Protein backbone atom coordinates (compact mmCIF):
# COMPACT_ATOMS: atom_id res chain seq x y z
CA UNK A 1 -115.20 -192.02 81.38
CA UNK A 2 -115.03 -193.11 77.76
CA UNK A 3 -117.98 -193.54 75.42
CA UNK A 4 -118.64 -197.08 74.18
CA UNK A 5 -116.93 -196.50 70.81
CA UNK A 6 -113.74 -195.07 72.36
CA UNK A 7 -113.67 -197.80 75.02
CA UNK A 8 -114.12 -200.46 72.33
CA UNK A 9 -111.26 -199.06 70.23
CA UNK A 10 -109.00 -198.82 73.27
CA UNK A 11 -109.88 -202.38 74.37
CA UNK A 12 -109.20 -203.68 70.85
CA UNK A 13 -105.83 -201.90 70.72
CA UNK A 14 -104.81 -203.32 74.11
CA UNK A 15 -106.11 -206.84 73.35
CA UNK A 16 -105.35 -207.23 69.64
CA UNK A 17 -104.68 -210.98 69.68
CA UNK A 18 -107.78 -211.82 71.72
CA UNK A 19 -109.84 -209.50 69.52
CA UNK A 20 -108.59 -211.25 66.38
CA UNK A 21 -109.38 -214.66 67.89
CA UNK A 22 -112.92 -213.57 68.72
CA UNK A 23 -113.39 -212.05 65.26
CA UNK A 24 -112.10 -215.23 63.57
CA UNK A 25 -114.61 -217.35 65.55
CA UNK A 26 -117.44 -215.04 64.48
CA UNK A 27 -116.33 -215.13 60.83
CA UNK A 28 -116.06 -218.94 60.89
CA UNK A 29 -119.48 -219.30 62.54
CA UNK A 30 -121.33 -216.94 60.16
CA UNK A 31 -119.25 -216.41 56.98
CA UNK A 32 -122.15 -215.21 54.81
CA UNK A 33 -123.18 -212.59 57.38
CA UNK A 34 -119.58 -211.42 57.69
CA UNK A 35 -119.26 -211.05 53.89
CA UNK A 36 -122.45 -208.99 53.75
CA UNK A 37 -121.26 -206.73 56.56
CA UNK A 38 -117.89 -206.33 54.84
CA UNK A 39 -119.54 -205.35 51.56
CA UNK A 40 -121.88 -202.94 53.34
CA UNK A 41 -118.83 -201.36 54.98
CA UNK A 42 -117.02 -201.08 51.62
CA UNK A 43 -120.05 -199.48 50.00
CA UNK A 44 -120.29 -196.96 52.84
CA UNK A 45 -116.63 -196.09 52.20
CA UNK A 46 -117.37 -195.48 48.49
CA UNK A 47 -120.65 -193.66 49.20
CA UNK A 48 -122.84 -196.12 47.29
CA UNK A 49 -125.84 -198.12 48.51
CA UNK A 50 -126.77 -201.66 47.54
CA UNK A 51 -129.68 -200.18 45.57
CA UNK A 52 -127.31 -197.88 43.63
CA UNK A 53 -125.00 -200.84 43.01
CA UNK A 54 -127.92 -202.81 41.55
CA UNK A 55 -128.94 -199.88 39.32
CA UNK A 56 -125.38 -199.69 37.96
CA UNK A 57 -125.34 -203.49 37.60
CA UNK A 58 -128.53 -203.33 35.50
CA UNK A 59 -127.20 -200.42 33.40
CA UNK A 60 -124.14 -202.59 32.59
CA UNK A 61 -126.29 -205.73 32.11
CA UNK A 62 -124.09 -207.47 34.68
CA UNK A 63 -121.06 -207.23 32.38
CA UNK A 64 -117.54 -206.02 33.18
CA UNK A 65 -116.88 -203.24 30.62
CA UNK A 66 -113.21 -204.21 30.23
CA UNK A 67 -113.27 -207.98 29.70
CA UNK A 68 -116.98 -208.50 28.86
CA UNK A 69 -117.34 -211.23 31.49
CA UNK A 70 -120.95 -211.58 32.69
CA UNK A 71 -121.85 -211.83 36.36
CA UNK A 72 -125.24 -213.21 37.41
CA UNK A 73 -125.24 -211.87 40.94
CA UNK A 74 -126.85 -208.64 42.08
CA UNK A 75 -126.53 -207.62 45.69
CA UNK A 76 -130.05 -207.98 46.96
CA UNK A 77 -131.10 -208.57 50.52
CA UNK A 78 -130.48 -212.23 51.17
CA UNK A 79 -128.59 -212.63 47.89
CA UNK A 80 -125.18 -214.16 47.45
CA UNK A 81 -122.11 -211.92 47.74
CA UNK A 82 -119.54 -214.37 46.38
CA UNK A 83 -119.59 -213.73 42.65
CA UNK A 84 -120.01 -210.00 42.16
CA UNK A 85 -118.66 -207.04 40.28
CA UNK A 86 -116.41 -204.64 42.21
CA UNK A 87 -117.03 -200.93 42.61
CA UNK A 88 -114.28 -199.16 40.65
CA UNK A 89 -113.45 -195.65 41.80
CA UNK A 90 -110.88 -192.93 41.24
CA UNK A 91 -108.47 -193.08 44.17
CA UNK A 92 -107.73 -189.35 43.99
CA UNK A 93 -111.28 -187.99 43.70
CA UNK A 94 -113.29 -190.90 45.11
CA UNK A 95 -115.62 -190.72 42.09
CA UNK A 96 -117.31 -194.04 41.30
CA UNK A 97 -116.73 -195.07 37.70
CA UNK A 98 -118.23 -198.46 36.85
CA UNK A 99 -118.50 -201.99 38.18
CA UNK A 100 -115.58 -204.21 37.16
CA UNK A 101 -114.71 -207.84 37.71
CA UNK A 102 -112.09 -208.40 40.41
CA UNK A 103 -109.31 -209.19 37.92
CA UNK A 104 -109.89 -206.05 35.84
CA UNK A 105 -110.26 -203.89 38.95
CA UNK A 106 -106.88 -205.07 40.28
CA UNK A 107 -105.19 -204.62 36.88
CA UNK A 108 -106.62 -201.13 36.50
CA UNK A 109 -105.33 -200.25 39.96
CA UNK A 110 -101.84 -201.27 38.87
CA UNK A 111 -102.10 -199.30 35.61
CA UNK A 112 -103.13 -196.16 37.49
CA UNK A 113 -99.64 -196.05 38.99
CA UNK A 114 -98.11 -194.09 36.07
CA UNK A 115 -94.49 -194.53 37.16
CA UNK A 116 -94.82 -198.31 37.32
CA UNK A 117 -96.95 -198.47 34.14
CA UNK A 118 -94.38 -196.54 32.12
CA UNK A 119 -91.57 -198.76 33.39
CA UNK A 120 -93.60 -201.88 32.57
CA UNK A 121 -94.28 -200.65 29.01
CA UNK A 122 -90.59 -199.87 28.48
CA UNK A 123 -89.69 -203.32 29.81
CA UNK A 124 -92.13 -205.06 27.45
CA UNK A 125 -90.93 -202.98 24.48
CA UNK A 126 -87.33 -203.89 25.30
CA UNK A 127 -88.19 -207.62 25.20
CA UNK A 128 -90.50 -207.48 22.16
CA UNK A 129 -89.21 -209.60 19.25
């Protein structure tokens, strides 16, 4: 007496290895479709549409504001999803900030951990000179 969504979740939980095998076959068969679905899912999580992403991309001229690297790719229907800017957001508030390249987005995520950042700065200062 479960709805489809609950049944699907329960089946996945009880058949995790088979589910992963099936998913891997689907990903291998249609990698571009899988990437698009993954990006769509990520955008839904951040509360941004592909159209809003492209507006922000155009406002930034396709450039990461931290390292000035230019990215050619917008996320248009049928467009490539390989070489794109990432949606940067505040992890506490969920507010979208800008689009960053993957490297800068990861580095910024590390810097946002104040305890670690302060330790890293102290470490570098200790070894300066």
